[in-house]
């Protein structure tokens, strides 16, 4: 009998259900979303901030996602964490 973890192909329904359960557990225990999109936004905001800090300040999404704040940082650089 082959282990379910060693199967060459898994059912997409089983995988989708597993990801959904993992997402629920992550929200319940950590109060955070499961994914990498925030990391990509922060990286993009960092690179664009090197070119134009004003653009990051005026773009509400980047401003929020990159935690850009001159008052906390003092030097006007994007805080990536």
Foldseek 3Di string as FASTA:
>chain_A
DDDQVPDPDDDPVVVVVVVVVVQVVCCVPPVDGDDCVLVVLLVVLQVVCVVPLVVCVPDVVSCVSQVQDCVVVVPRHTHHD
